[in-house]
Amino acid sequence: MANKHLTKSFTVDELKCKGTGICDMDPAFLEKLQLIRDKFGKPMYPSSGFRHPDWNDRVSSTGRNGPHTTGHAVDIKISGRDAIRLLAIAQQNGMTGLGISQKGPHDTRFIHMDDLTGDNRPWIWSY
């Protein structure tokens, strides 16, 4: 069976929970993510998308209620100039949470993006 596309650039396999295989990404978030990808003009490689609350509790300090558990977050493997450019495009196109991990080997670096709302948004942090 072919891997189902959620958008023209992102598939279920890329964005499903690594612990459960469930993919419950929010459709409005996916539209923003695709718009960002189109404006970025290069492939974007997710390392994490949806996370079931049980899985997120095991792998993240945000526990059962982190942004990935809502289908409103993604981590994109990226580094260097491309990371800086992606941050700007993401911020201009509705991403309100931006986490930056740019230490260590290039293949482990990533940008977290989410579109959650609240009093503490927009918010940028480093890992």
PDB file of N, CA and C in Angstrom:
ATOM      1  N   MET A   1       0.831  -1.182   0.000  1.00  0.00           N
ATOM      2  CA  MET A   1       0.000   0.000   0.000  1.00  0.00           C
ATOM      3  C   MET A   1       0.876   1.246   0.000  1.00  0.00           C
ATOM      4  N   ALA A   2       0.539   2.207  -0.827  1.00  0.00           N
ATOM      5  CA  ALA A   2       1.324   3.426  -0.948  1.00  0.00           C
ATOM      6  C   ALA A   2       1.168   4.291   0.302  1.00  0.00           C
ATOM      7  N   ASN A   3       2.212   5.030   0.626  1.00  0.00           N
ATOM      8  CA  ASN A   3       2.191   5.940   1.757  1.00  0.00           C
ATOM      9  C   ASN A   3       1.263   7.109   1.420  1.00  0.00           C
ATOM     10  N   LYS A   4       0.254   7.327   2.216  1.00  0.00           N
ATOM     11  CA  LYS A   4      -0.749   8.358   1.961  1.00  0.00           C
ATOM     12  C   LYS A   4      -0.190   9.758   2.217  1.00  0.00           C
ATOM     13  N   HIS A   5      -0.442  10.648   1.264  1.00  0.00           N
ATOM     14  CA  HIS A   5      -0.051  12.045   1.421  1.00  0.00           C
ATOM     15  C   HIS A   5      -1.106  12.796   2.226  1.00  0.00           C
ATOM     16  N   LEU A   6      -0.646  13.559   3.215  1.00  0.00           N
ATOM     17  CA  LEU A   6      -1.516  14.449   3.976  1.00  0.00           C
ATOM     18  C   LEU A   6      -1.611  15.797   3.291  1.00  0.00           C
ATOM     19  N   THR A   7      -0.510  16.201   2.644  1.00  0.00           N
ATOM     20  CA  THR A   7      -0.441  17.388   1.796  1.00  0.00           C
ATOM     21  C   THR A   7       0.377  16.969   0.581  1.00  0.00           C
ATOM     22  N   LYS A   8       0.598  17.886  -0.332  1.00  0.00           N
ATOM     23  CA  LYS A   8       1.383  17.493  -1.512  1.00  0.00           C
ATOM     24  C   LYS A   8       2.834  17.171  -1.169  1.00  0.00           C
ATOM     25  N   SER A   9       3.320  17.648  -0.009  1.00  0.00           N
ATOM     26  CA  SER A   9       4.727  17.430   0.349  1.00  0.00           C
ATOM     27  C   SER A   9       4.948  16.537   1.561  1.00  0.00           C
ATOM     28  N   PHE A  10       3.920  16.235   2.349  1.00  0.00           N
ATOM     29  CA  PHE A  10       4.103  15.497   3.593  1.00  0.00           C
ATOM     30  C   PHE A  10       3.207  14.265   3.638  1.00  0.00           C
ATOM     31  N   THR A  11       3.787  13.164   4.128  1.00  0.00           N
ATOM     32  CA  THR A  11       3.079  11.885   4.164  1.00  0.00           C
ATOM     33  C   THR A  11       2.742  11.469   5.597  1.00  0.00           C
ATOM     34  N   VAL A  12       1.832  10.511   5.695  1.00  0.00           N
ATOM     35  CA  VAL A  12       1.481   9.930   6.989  1.00  0.00           C
ATOM     36  C   VAL A  12       2.724   9.361   7.659  1.00  0.00           C
ATOM     37  N   ASP A  13       3.534   8.606   6.923  1.00  0.00           N
ATOM     38  CA  ASP A  13       4.726   7.982   7.519  1.00  0.00           C
ATOM     39  C   ASP A  13       5.673   9.006   8.133  1.00  0.00           C
ATOM     40  N   GLU A  14       5.785  10.185   7.530  1.00  0.00           N
ATOM     41  CA  GLU A  14       6.675  11.219   8.058  1.00  0.00           C
ATOM     42  C   GLU A  14       6.152  11.831   9.352  1.00  0.00           C
ATOM     43  N   LEU A  15       4.837  11.900   9.494  1.00  0.00           N
ATOM     44  CA  LEU A  15       4.245  12.668  10.585  1.00  0.00           C
ATOM     45  C   LEU A  15       3.548  11.824  11.646  1.00  0.00           C
ATOM     46  N   LYS A  16       3.527  10.515  11.479  1.00  0.00           N
ATOM     47  CA  LYS A  16       2.850   9.665  12.461  1.00  0.00           C
ATOM     48  C   LYS A  16       3.699   9.510  13.727  1.00  0.00           C
ATOM     49  N   CYS A  17       3.034   9.164  14.814  1.00  0.00           N
ATOM     50  CA  CYS A  17       3.685   8.928  16.095  1.00  0.00           C
ATOM     51  C   CYS A  17       4.661   7.765  15.976  1.00  0.00           C
ATOM     52  N   LYS A  18       5.880   7.978  16.414  1.00  0.00           N
ATOM     53  CA  LYS A  18       6.900   6.929  16.338  1.00  0.00           C
ATOM     54  C   LYS A  18       6.605   5.781  17.311  1.00  0.00           C
ATOM     55  N   GLY A  19       5.828   6.045  18.351  1.00  0.00           N
ATOM     56  CA  GLY A  19       5.532   5.026  19.338  1.00  0.00           C
ATOM     57  C   GLY A  19       4.288   4.213  19.048  1.00  0.00           C
ATOM     58  N   THR A  20       3.282   4.844  18.403  1.00  0.00           N
ATOM     59  CA  THR A  20       2.000   4.166  18.198  1.00  0.00           C
ATOM     60  C   THR A  20       1.604   4.005  16.737  1.00  0.00           C
ATOM     61  N   GLY A  21       2.207   4.786  15.860  1.00  0.00           N
ATOM     62  CA  GLY A  21       1.824   4.751  14.446  1.00  0.00           C
ATOM     63  C   GLY A  21       0.592   5.577  14.125  1.00  0.00           C
ATOM     64  N   ILE A  22       0.004   6.221  15.127  1.00  0.00           N
ATOM     65  CA  ILE A  22      -1.176   7.066  14.913  1.00  0.00           C
ATOM     66  C   ILE A  22      -0.737   8.398  14.309  1.00  0.00           C
ATOM     67  N   CYS A  23      -1.525   8.900  13.362  1.00  0.00           N
ATOM     68  CA  CYS A  23      -1.246  10.203  12.764  1.00  0.00           C
ATOM     69  C   CYS A  23      -2.507  11.049  12.850  1.00  0.00           C
ATOM     70  N   ASP A  24      -2.548  11.932  13.834  1.00  0.00           N
ATOM     71  CA  ASP A  24      -3.721  12.773  14.065  1.00  0.00           C
ATOM     72  C   ASP A  24      -3.319  14.242  13.969  1.00  0.00           C
ATOM     73  N   MET A  25      -2.735  14.612  12.836  1.00  0.00           N
ATOM     74  CA  MET A  25      -2.322  15.983  12.613  1.00  0.00           C
ATOM     75  C   MET A  25      -3.539  16.860  12.335  1.00  0.00           C
ATOM     76  N   ASP A  26      -3.509  18.089  12.817  1.00  0.00           N
ATOM     77  CA  ASP A  26      -4.593  19.036  12.616  1.00  0.00           C
ATOM     78  C   ASP A  26      -4.579  19.540  11.170  1.00  0.00           C
ATOM     79  N   PRO A  27      -5.718  19.507  10.470  1.00  0.00           N
ATOM     80  CA  PRO A  27      -5.757  19.939   9.068  1.00  0.00           C
ATOM     81  C   PRO A  27      -5.320  21.399   8.859  1.00  0.00           C
ATOM     82  N   ALA A  28      -5.706  22.304   9.743  1.00  0.00           N
ATOM     83  CA  ALA A  28      -5.305  23.713   9.589  1.00  0.00           C
ATOM     84  C   ALA A  28      -3.794  23.863   9.780  1.00  0.00           C
ATOM     85  N   PHE A  29      -3.226  23.101  10.713  1.00  0.00           N
ATOM     86  CA  PHE A  29      -1.780  23.127  10.898  1.00  0.00           C
ATOM     87  C   PHE A  29      -1.076  22.620   9.643  1.00  0.00           C
ATOM     88  N   LEU A  30      -1.600  21.541   9.067  1.00  0.00           N
ATOM     89  CA  LEU A  30      -1.001  20.989   7.847  1.00  0.00           C
ATOM     90  C   LEU A  30      -1.033  21.995   6.700  1.00  0.00           C
ATOM     91  N   GLU A  31      -2.097  22.781   6.604  1.00  0.00           N
ATOM     92  CA  GLU A  31      -2.160  23.818   5.563  1.00  0.00           C
ATOM     93  C   GLU A  31      -1.043  24.838   5.756  1.00  0.00           C
ATOM     94  N   LYS A  32      -0.829  25.273   6.999  1.00  0.00           N
ATOM     95  CA  LYS A  32       0.261  26.214   7.284  1.00  0.00           C
ATOM     96  C   LYS A  32       1.614  25.592   6.959  1.00  0.00           C
ATOM     97  N   LEU A  33       1.782  24.339   7.365  1.00  0.00           N
ATOM     98  CA  LEU A  33       3.052  23.654   7.118  1.00  0.00           C
ATOM     99  C   LEU A  33       3.330  23.558   5.619  1.00  0.00           C
ATOM    100  N   GLN A  34       2.324  23.240   4.831  1.00  0.00           N
ATOM    101  CA  GLN A  34       2.513  23.149   3.381  1.00  0.00           C
ATOM    102  C   GLN A  34       2.819  24.518   2.786  1.00  0.00           C
ATOM    103  N   LEU A  35       2.144  25.569   3.264  1.00  0.00           N
ATOM    104  CA  LEU A  35       2.428  26.923   2.795  1.00  0.00           C
ATOM    105  C   LEU A  35       3.880  27.300   3.079  1.00  0.00           C
ATOM    106  N   ILE A  36       4.350  26.967   4.271  1.00  0.00           N
ATOM    107  CA  ILE A  36       5.743  27.237   4.636  1.00  0.00           C
ATOM    108  C   ILE A  36       6.681  26.466   3.716  1.00  0.00           C
ATOM    109  N   ARG A  37       6.379  25.208   3.466  1.00  0.00           N
ATOM    110  CA  ARG A  37       7.198  24.387   2.556  1.00  0.00           C
ATOM    111  C   ARG A  37       7.237  24.994   1.162  1.00  0.00           C
ATOM    112  N   ASP A  38       6.094  25.451   0.668  1.00  0.00           N
ATOM    113  CA  ASP A  38       6.044  26.061  -0.658  1.00  0.00           C
ATOM    114  C   ASP A  38       6.897  27.320  -0.709  1.00  0.00           C
ATOM    115  N   LYS A  39       6.820  28.146   0.312  1.00  0.00           N
ATOM    116  CA  LYS A  39       7.610  29.385   0.344  1.00  0.00           C
ATOM    117  C   LYS A  39       9.089  29.089   0.562  1.00  0.00           C
ATOM    118  N   PHE A  40       9.404  28.048   1.310  1.00  0.00           N
ATOM    119  CA  PHE A  40      10.796  27.648   1.551  1.00  0.00           C
ATOM    120  C   PHE A  40      11.440  27.166   0.253  1.00  0.00           C
ATOM    121  N   GLY A  41      10.685  26.458  -0.560  1.00  0.00           N
ATOM    122  CA  GLY A  41      11.152  26.049  -1.879  1.00  0.00           C
ATOM    123  C   GLY A  41      12.124  24.884  -1.903  1.00  0.00           C
ATOM    124  N   LYS A  42      12.246  24.188  -0.788  1.00  0.00           N
ATOM    125  CA  LYS A  42      13.133  23.022  -0.692  1.00  0.00           C
ATOM    126  C   LYS A  42      12.416  21.957   0.126  1.00  0.00           C
ATOM    127  N   PRO A  43      12.829  20.705  -0.014  1.00  0.00           N
ATOM    128  CA  PRO A  43      12.245  19.672   0.843  1.00  0.00           C
ATOM    129  C   PRO A  43      12.485  19.976   2.320  1.00  0.00           C
ATOM    130  N   MET A  44      11.513  19.592   3.139  1.00  0.00           N
ATOM    131  CA  MET A  44      11.632  19.690   4.588  1.00  0.00           C
ATOM    132  C   MET A  44      11.459  18.280   5.136  1.00  0.00           C
ATOM    133  N   TYR A  45      12.343  17.874   6.047  1.00  0.00           N
ATOM    134  CA  TYR A  45      12.365  16.508   6.538  1.00  0.00           C
ATOM    135  C   TYR A  45      11.951  16.450   8.004  1.00  0.00           C
ATOM    136  N   PRO A  46      10.710  16.033   8.272  1.00  0.00           N
ATOM    137  CA  PRO A  46      10.258  15.943   9.665  1.00  0.00           C
ATOM    138  C   PRO A  46      10.963  14.819  10.424  1.00  0.00           C
ATOM    139  N   SER A  47      11.355  15.121  11.660  1.00  0.00           N
ATOM    140  CA  SER A  47      11.850  14.075  12.551  1.00  0.00           C
ATOM    141  C   SER A  47      10.777  13.703  13.565  1.00  0.00           C
ATOM    142  N   SER A  48       9.780  14.558  13.719  1.00  0.00           N
ATOM    143  CA  SER A  48       8.679  14.269  14.631  1.00  0.00           C
ATOM    144  C   SER A  48       7.470  15.103  14.224  1.00  0.00           C
ATOM    145  N   GLY A  49       6.314  14.478  14.269  1.00  0.00           N
ATOM    146  CA  GLY A  49       5.053  15.166  14.003  1.00  0.00           C
ATOM    147  C   GLY A  49       4.111  14.890  15.151  1.00  0.00           C
ATOM    148  N   PHE A  50       3.037  14.165  14.876  1.00  0.00           N
ATOM    149  CA  PHE A  50       2.087  13.823  15.926  1.00  0.00           C
ATOM    150  C   PHE A  50       2.724  12.866  16.928  1.00  0.00           C
ATOM    151  N   ARG A  51       2.420  13.066  18.212  1.00  0.00           N
ATOM    152  CA  ARG A  51       2.835  12.133  19.258  1.00  0.00           C
ATOM    153  C   ARG A  51       1.627  11.815  20.137  1.00  0.00           C
ATOM    154  N   HIS A  52       1.329  10.545  20.260  1.00  0.00           N
ATOM    155  CA  HIS A  52       0.278  10.128  21.188  1.00  0.00           C
ATOM    156  C   HIS A  52       0.693  10.578  22.591  1.00  0.00           C
ATOM    157  N   PRO A  53      -0.255  11.007  23.441  1.00  0.00           N
ATOM    158  CA  PRO A  53       0.112  11.457  24.791  1.00  0.00           C
ATOM    159  C   PRO A  53       0.964  10.456  25.580  1.00  0.00           C
ATOM    160  N   ASP A  54       0.675   9.157  25.466  1.00  0.00           N
ATOM    161  CA  ASP A  54       1.486   8.157  26.174  1.00  0.00           C
ATOM    162  C   ASP A  54       2.932   8.182  25.688  1.00  0.00           C
ATOM    163  N   TRP A  55       3.114   8.298  24.373  1.00  0.00           N
ATOM    164  CA  TRP A  55       4.463   8.325  23.792  1.00  0.00           C
ATOM    165  C   TRP A  55       5.173   9.624  24.166  1.00  0.00           C
ATOM    166  N   ASN A  56       4.459  10.742  24.055  1.00  0.00           N
ATOM    167  CA  ASN A  56       5.066  12.031  24.384  1.00  0.00           C
ATOM    168  C   ASN A  56       5.520  12.057  25.845  1.00  0.00           C
ATOM    169  N   ASP A  57       4.760  11.426  26.733  1.00  0.00           N
ATOM    170  CA  ASP A  57       5.114  11.357  28.142  1.00  0.00           C
ATOM    171  C   ASP A  57       6.445  10.624  28.342  1.00  0.00           C
ATOM    172  N   ARG A  58       6.729   9.684  27.454  1.00  0.00           N
ATOM    173  CA  ARG A  58       7.979   8.913  27.539  1.00  0.00           C
ATOM    174  C   ARG A  58       9.171   9.661  26.950  1.00  0.00           C
ATOM    175  N   VAL A  59       8.939  10.490  25.911  1.00  0.00           N
ATOM    176  CA  VAL A  59      10.068  11.050  25.162  1.00  0.00           C
ATOM    177  C   VAL A  59      10.261  12.557  25.310  1.00  0.00           C
ATOM    178  N   SER A  60       9.335  13.247  25.980  1.00  0.00           N
ATOM    179  CA  SER A  60       9.419  14.702  26.044  1.00  0.00           C
ATOM    180  C   SER A  60       9.151  15.223  27.451  1.00  0.00           C
ATOM    181  N   SER A  61       9.801  16.310  27.790  1.00  0.00           N
ATOM    182  CA  SER A  61       9.570  16.944  29.089  1.00  0.00           C
ATOM    183  C   SER A  61       8.198  17.623  29.157  1.00  0.00           C
ATOM    184  N   THR A  62       7.504  17.755  28.018  1.00  0.00           N
ATOM    185  CA  THR A  62       6.178  18.376  28.023  1.00  0.00           C
ATOM    186  C   THR A  62       5.091  17.394  28.440  1.00  0.00           C
ATOM    187  N   GLY A  63       5.441  16.132  28.631  1.00  0.00           N
ATOM    188  CA  GLY A  63       4.502  15.146  29.155  1.00  0.00           C
ATOM    189  C   GLY A  63       3.331  14.845  28.239  1.00  0.00           C
ATOM    190  N   ARG A  64       2.200  14.551  28.838  1.00  0.00           N
ATOM    191  CA  ARG A  64       1.016  14.110  28.090  1.00  0.00           C
ATOM    192  C   ARG A  64       0.312  15.251  27.340  1.00  0.00           C
ATOM    193  N   ASN A  65       0.693  16.498  27.606  1.00  0.00           N
ATOM    194  CA  ASN A  65      -0.033  17.622  27.018  1.00  0.00           C
ATOM    195  C   ASN A  65       0.829  18.519  26.138  1.00  0.00           C
ATOM    196  N   GLY A  66       1.920  18.018  25.633  1.00  0.00           N
ATOM    197  CA  GLY A  66       2.796  18.832  24.793  1.00  0.00           C
ATOM    198  C   GLY A  66       2.168  19.178  23.454  1.00  0.00           C
ATOM    199  N   PRO A  67       2.743  20.124  22.749  1.00  0.00           N
ATOM    200  CA  PRO A  67       2.171  20.573  21.474  1.00  0.00           C
ATOM    201  C   PRO A  67       2.078  19.481  20.414  1.00  0.00           C
ATOM    202  N   HIS A  68       2.981  18.522  20.444  1.00  0.00           N
ATOM    203  CA  HIS A  68       2.912  17.444  19.461  1.00  0.00           C
ATOM    204  C   HIS A  68       1.673  16.564  19.664  1.00  0.00           C
ATOM    205  N   THR A  69       1.144  16.504  20.895  1.00  0.00           N
ATOM    206  CA  THR A  69      -0.018  15.659  21.184  1.00  0.00           C
ATOM    207  C   THR A  69      -1.307  16.224  20.606  1.00  0.00           C
ATOM    208  N   THR A  70      -1.273  17.482  20.181  1.00  0.00           N
ATOM    209  CA  THR A  70      -2.470  18.128  19.626  1.00  0.00           C
ATOM    210  C   THR A  70      -2.492  18.093  18.096  1.00  0.00           C
ATOM    211  N   GLY A  71      -1.395  17.626  17.489  1.00  0.00           N
ATOM    212  CA  GLY A  71      -1.306  17.655  16.028  1.00  0.00           C
ATOM    213  C   GLY A  71      -0.985  19.035  15.486  1.00  0.00           C
ATOM    214  N   HIS A  72      -0.494  19.913  16.366  1.00  0.00           N
ATOM    215  CA  HIS A  72      -0.179  21.289  15.990  1.00  0.00           C
ATOM    216  C   HIS A  72       1.317  21.567  16.050  1.00  0.00           C
ATOM    217  N   ALA A  73       2.152  20.540  15.889  1.00  0.00           N
ATOM    218  CA  ALA A  73       3.598  20.753  15.998  1.00  0.00           C
ATOM    219  C   ALA A  73       4.351  19.770  15.121  1.00  0.00           C
ATOM    220  N   VAL A  74       5.541  20.210  14.718  1.00  0.00           N
ATOM    221  CA  VAL A  74       6.433  19.370  13.925  1.00  0.00           C
ATOM    222  C   VAL A  74       7.866  19.795  14.224  1.00  0.00           C
ATOM    223  N   ASP A  75       8.780  18.834  14.176  1.00  0.00           N
ATOM    224  CA  ASP A  75      10.216  19.113  14.239  1.00  0.00           C
ATOM    225  C   ASP A  75      10.776  18.815  12.857  1.00  0.00           C
ATOM    226  N   ILE A  76      11.541  19.759  12.322  1.00  0.00           N
ATOM    227  CA  ILE A  76      12.123  19.631  10.985  1.00  0.00           C
ATOM    228  C   ILE A  76      13.639  19.544  11.117  1.00  0.00           C
ATOM    229  N   LYS A  77      14.231  18.498  10.541  1.00  0.00           N
ATOM    230  CA  LYS A  77      15.690  18.351  10.529  1.00  0.00           C
ATOM    231  C   LYS A  77      16.261  19.399   9.580  1.00  0.00           C
ATOM    232  N   ILE A  78      17.082  20.290  10.134  1.00  0.00           N
ATOM    233  CA  ILE A  78      17.628  21.380   9.322  1.00  0.00           C
ATOM    234  C   ILE A  78      18.742  22.073  10.097  1.00  0.00           C
ATOM    235  N   SER A  79      19.690  22.669   9.388  1.00  0.00           N
ATOM    236  CA  SER A  79      20.769  23.388  10.060  1.00  0.00           C
ATOM    237  C   SER A  79      21.283  24.523   9.182  1.00  0.00           C
ATOM    238  N   GLY A  80      22.119  25.355   9.797  1.00  0.00           N
ATOM    239  CA  GLY A  80      22.809  26.420   9.075  1.00  0.00           C
ATOM    240  C   GLY A  80      21.900  27.508   8.534  1.00  0.00           C
ATOM    241  N   ARG A  81      22.275  28.026   7.378  1.00  0.00           N
ATOM    242  CA  ARG A  81      21.518  29.121   6.748  1.00  0.00           C
ATOM    243  C   ARG A  81      20.080  28.734   6.461  1.00  0.00           C
ATOM    244  N   ASP A  82      19.870  27.478   6.073  1.00  0.00           N
ATOM    245  CA  ASP A  82      18.512  27.022   5.818  1.00  0.00           C
ATOM    246  C   ASP A  82      17.653  27.117   7.077  1.00  0.00           C
ATOM    247  N   ALA A  83      18.233  26.829   8.233  1.00  0.00           N
ATOM    248  CA  ALA A  83      17.483  26.919   9.491  1.00  0.00           C
ATOM    249  C   ALA A  83      17.063  28.358   9.770  1.00  0.00           C
ATOM    250  N   ILE A  84      17.958  29.298   9.555  1.00  0.00           N
ATOM    251  CA  ILE A  84      17.640  30.712   9.779  1.00  0.00           C
ATOM    252  C   ILE A  84      16.527  31.152   8.837  1.00  0.00           C
ATOM    253  N   ARG A  85      16.624  30.750   7.601  1.00  0.00           N
ATOM    254  CA  ARG A  85      15.607  31.107   6.612  1.00  0.00           C
ATOM    255  C   ARG A  85      14.255  30.482   6.950  1.00  0.00           C
ATOM    256  N   LEU A  86      14.273  29.209   7.357  1.00  0.00           N
ATOM    257  CA  LEU A  86      13.033  28.528   7.715  1.00  0.00           C
ATOM    258  C   LEU A  86      12.377  29.198   8.918  1.00  0.00           C
ATOM    259  N   LEU A  87      13.154  29.596   9.907  1.00  0.00           N
ATOM    260  CA  LEU A  87      12.598  30.293  11.073  1.00  0.00           C
ATOM    261  C   LEU A  87      11.838  31.540  10.661  1.00  0.00           C
ATOM    262  N   ALA A  88      12.415  32.332   9.781  1.00  0.00           N
ATOM    263  CA  ALA A  88      11.767  33.567   9.337  1.00  0.00           C
ATOM    264  C   ALA A  88      10.462  33.272   8.603  1.00  0.00           C
ATOM    265  N   ILE A  89      10.492  32.311   7.706  1.00  0.00           N
ATOM    266  CA  ILE A  89       9.286  31.962   6.939  1.00  0.00           C
ATOM    267  C   ILE A  89       8.208  31.422   7.875  1.00  0.00           C
ATOM    268  N   ALA A  90       8.599  30.579   8.818  1.00  0.00           N
ATOM    269  CA  ALA A  90       7.636  30.000   9.758  1.00  0.00           C
ATOM    270  C   ALA A  90       6.971  31.086  10.595  1.00  0.00           C
ATOM    271  N   GLN A  91       7.764  32.012  11.095  1.00  0.00           N
ATOM    272  CA  GLN A  91       7.221  33.086  11.933  1.00  0.00           C
ATOM    273  C   GLN A  91       6.275  33.986  11.130  1.00  0.00           C
ATOM    274  N   GLN A  92       6.589  34.223   9.873  1.00  0.00           N
ATOM    275  CA  GLN A  92       5.753  35.067   9.020  1.00  0.00           C
ATOM    276  C   GLN A  92       4.461  34.376   8.600  1.00  0.00           C
ATOM    277  N   ASN A  93       4.370  33.056   8.808  1.00  0.00           N
ATOM    278  CA  ASN A  93       3.227  32.296   8.307  1.00  0.00           C
ATOM    279  C   ASN A  93       2.506  31.504   9.397  1.00  0.00           C
ATOM    280  N   GLY A  94       2.398  32.101  10.572  1.00  0.00           N
ATOM    281  CA  GLY A  94       1.512  31.578  11.592  1.00  0.00           C
ATOM    282  C   GLY A  94       2.084  30.660  12.638  1.00  0.00           C
ATOM    283  N   MET A  95       3.382  30.387  12.613  1.00  0.00           N
ATOM    284  CA  MET A  95       3.956  29.556  13.661  1.00  0.00           C
ATOM    285  C   MET A  95       4.288  30.446  14.858  1.00  0.00           C
ATOM    286  N   THR A  96       3.752  30.105  16.011  1.00  0.00           N
ATOM    287  CA  THR A  96       3.891  30.931  17.206  1.00  0.00           C
ATOM    288  C   THR A  96       4.864  30.353  18.217  1.00  0.00           C
ATOM    289  N   GLY A  97       5.240  29.100  18.060  1.00  0.00           N
ATOM    290  CA  GLY A  97       6.238  28.458  18.901  1.00  0.00           C
ATOM    291  C   GLY A  97       7.369  27.953  18.035  1.00  0.00           C
ATOM    292  N   LEU A  98       8.570  28.454  18.300  1.00  0.00           N
ATOM    293  CA  LEU A  98       9.733  28.071  17.505  1.00  0.00           C
ATOM    294  C   LEU A  98      10.862  27.659  18.448  1.00  0.00           C
ATOM    295  N   GLY A  99      11.208  26.385  18.398  1.00  0.00           N
ATOM    296  CA  GLY A  99      12.302  25.867  19.203  1.00  0.00           C
ATOM    297  C   GLY A  99      13.498  25.593  18.314  1.00  0.00           C
ATOM    298  N   ILE A 100      14.665  25.985  18.787  1.00  0.00           N
ATOM    299  CA  ILE A 100      15.862  25.914  17.965  1.00  0.00           C
ATOM    300  C   ILE A 100      16.877  24.983  18.616  1.00  0.00           C
ATOM    301  N   SER A 101      17.246  23.918  17.909  1.00  0.00           N
ATOM    302  CA  SER A 101      18.302  23.019  18.356  1.00  0.00           C
ATOM    303  C   SER A 101      19.352  22.971  17.250  1.00  0.00           C
ATOM    304  N   GLN A 102      20.427  23.719  17.441  1.00  0.00           N
ATOM    305  CA  GLN A 102      21.454  23.835  16.412  1.00  0.00           C
ATOM    306  C   GLN A 102      22.845  23.525  16.950  1.00  0.00           C
ATOM    307  N   LYS A 103      22.919  22.674  17.977  1.00  0.00           N
ATOM    308  CA  LYS A 103      24.203  22.224  18.528  1.00  0.00           C
ATOM    309  C   LYS A 103      24.456  20.788  18.102  1.00  0.00           C
ATOM    310  N   GLY A 104      25.695  20.396  18.131  1.00  0.00           N
ATOM    311  CA  GLY A 104      26.049  19.009  17.837  1.00  0.00           C
ATOM    312  C   GLY A 104      26.124  18.732  16.353  1.00  0.00           C
ATOM    313  N   PRO A 105      26.183  17.446  15.995  1.00  0.00           N
ATOM    314  CA  PRO A 105      26.298  17.064  14.582  1.00  0.00           C
ATOM    315  C   PRO A 105      25.132  17.619  13.755  1.00  0.00           C
ATOM    316  N   HIS A 106      25.419  18.000  12.534  1.00  0.00           N
ATOM    317  CA  HIS A 106      24.407  18.615  11.671  1.00  0.00           C
ATOM    318  C   HIS A 106      23.188  17.720  11.464  1.00  0.00           C
ATOM    319  N   ASP A 107      23.387  16.412  11.439  1.00  0.00           N
ATOM    320  CA  ASP A 107      22.250  15.525  11.181  1.00  0.00           C
ATOM    321  C   ASP A 107      21.324  15.367  12.390  1.00  0.00           C
ATOM    322  N   THR A 108      21.676  15.976  13.543  1.00  0.00           N
ATOM    323  CA  THR A 108      20.792  15.930  14.716  1.00  0.00           C
ATOM    324  C   THR A 108      20.138  17.278  15.003  1.00  0.00           C
ATOM    325  N   ARG A 109      20.436  18.270  14.216  1.00  0.00           N
ATOM    326  CA  ARG A 109      19.901  19.613  14.443  1.00  0.00           C
ATOM    327  C   ARG A 109      18.484  19.713  13.874  1.00  0.00           C
ATOM    328  N   PHE A 110      17.663  20.554  14.528  1.00  0.00           N
ATOM    329  CA  PHE A 110      16.287  20.686  14.066  1.00  0.00           C
ATOM    330  C   PHE A 110      15.675  22.004  14.510  1.00  0.00           C
ATOM    331  N   ILE A 111      14.531  22.314  13.919  1.00  0.00           N
ATOM    332  CA  ILE A 111      13.687  23.433  14.301  1.00  0.00           C
ATOM    333  C   ILE A 111      12.320  22.857  14.662  1.00  0.00           C
ATOM    334  N   HIS A 112      11.816  23.208  15.832  1.00  0.00           N
ATOM    335  CA  HIS A 112      10.455  22.860  16.232  1.00  0.00           C
ATOM    336  C   HIS A 112       9.557  24.017  15.809  1.00  0.00           C
ATOM    337  N   MET A 113       8.380  23.691  15.255  1.00  0.00           N
ATOM    338  CA  MET A 113       7.395  24.705  14.886  1.00  0.00           C
ATOM    339  C   MET A 113       6.033  24.269  15.394  1.00  0.00           C
ATOM    340  N   ASP A 114       5.308  25.198  16.018  1.00  0.00           N
ATOM    341  CA  ASP A 114       3.919  24.929  16.366  1.00  0.00           C
ATOM    342  C   ASP A 114       3.110  26.209  16.207  1.00  0.00           C
ATOM    343  N   ASP A 115       1.786  26.053  16.177  1.00  0.00           N
ATOM    344  CA  ASP A 115       0.910  27.216  16.001  1.00  0.00           C
ATOM    345  C   ASP A 115      -0.078  27.362  17.156  1.00  0.00           C
ATOM    346  N   LEU A 116       0.367  26.974  18.343  1.00  0.00           N
ATOM    347  CA  LEU A 116      -0.492  27.101  19.515  1.00  0.00           C
ATOM    348  C   LEU A 116      -0.708  28.576  19.854  1.00  0.00           C
ATOM    349  N   THR A 117      -1.761  28.848  20.586  1.00  0.00           N
ATOM    350  CA  THR A 117      -2.074  30.217  20.984  1.00  0.00           C
ATOM    351  C   THR A 117      -2.072  30.314  22.501  1.00  0.00           C
ATOM    352  N   GLY A 118      -2.021  31.519  23.002  1.00  0.00           N
ATOM    353  CA  GLY A 118      -2.051  31.736  24.439  1.00  0.00           C
ATOM    354  C   GLY A 118      -1.285  32.985  24.817  1.00  0.00           C
ATOM    355  N   ASP A 119      -1.269  33.256  26.106  1.00  0.00           N
ATOM    356  CA  ASP A 119      -0.642  34.479  26.616  1.00  0.00           C
ATOM    357  C   ASP A 119       0.857  34.536  26.375  1.00  0.00           C
ATOM    358  N   ASN A 120       1.499  33.385  26.315  1.00  0.00           N
ATOM    359  CA  ASN A 120       2.961  33.375  26.172  1.00  0.00           C
ATOM    360  C   ASN A 120       3.402  33.213  24.718  1.00  0.00           C
ATOM    361  N   ARG A 121       2.551  33.579  23.767  1.00  0.00           N
ATOM    362  CA  ARG A 121       2.886  33.441  22.346  1.00  0.00           C
ATOM    363  C   ARG A 121       2.930  34.796  21.685  1.00  0.00           C
ATOM    364  N   PRO A 122       3.797  35.041  20.711  1.00  0.00           N
ATOM    365  CA  PRO A 122       4.788  34.106  20.171  1.00  0.00           C
ATOM    366  C   PRO A 122       5.916  33.847  21.164  1.00  0.00           C
ATOM    367  N   TRP A 123       6.588  32.705  20.951  1.00  0.00           N
ATOM    368  CA  TRP A 123       7.613  32.258  21.872  1.00  0.00           C
ATOM    369  C   TRP A 123       8.710  31.564  21.066  1.00  0.00           C
ATOM    370  N   ILE A 124       9.952  31.938  21.329  1.00  0.00           N
ATOM    371  CA  ILE A 124      11.115  31.304  20.692  1.00  0.00           C
ATOM    372  C   ILE A 124      12.039  30.832  21.800  1.00  0.00           C
ATOM    373  N   TRP A 125      12.527  29.600  21.683  1.00  0.00           N
ATOM    374  CA  TRP A 125      13.418  29.056  22.704  1.00  0.00           C
ATOM    375  C   TRP A 125      14.496  28.202  22.033  1.00  0.00           C
ATOM    376  N   SER A 126      15.530  27.893  22.823  1.00  0.00           N
ATOM    377  CA  SER A 126      16.577  26.993  22.328  1.00  0.00           C
ATOM    378  C   SER A 126      16.618  25.766  23.240  1.00  0.00           C
ATOM    379  N   TYR A 127      17.078  24.673  22.675  1.00  0.00           N
ATOM    380  CA  TYR A 127      17.213  23.427  23.417  1.00  0.00           C
ATOM    381  C   TYR A 127      18.628  23.288  23.916  1.00  0.00           C
TER     382      TYR A 127
END
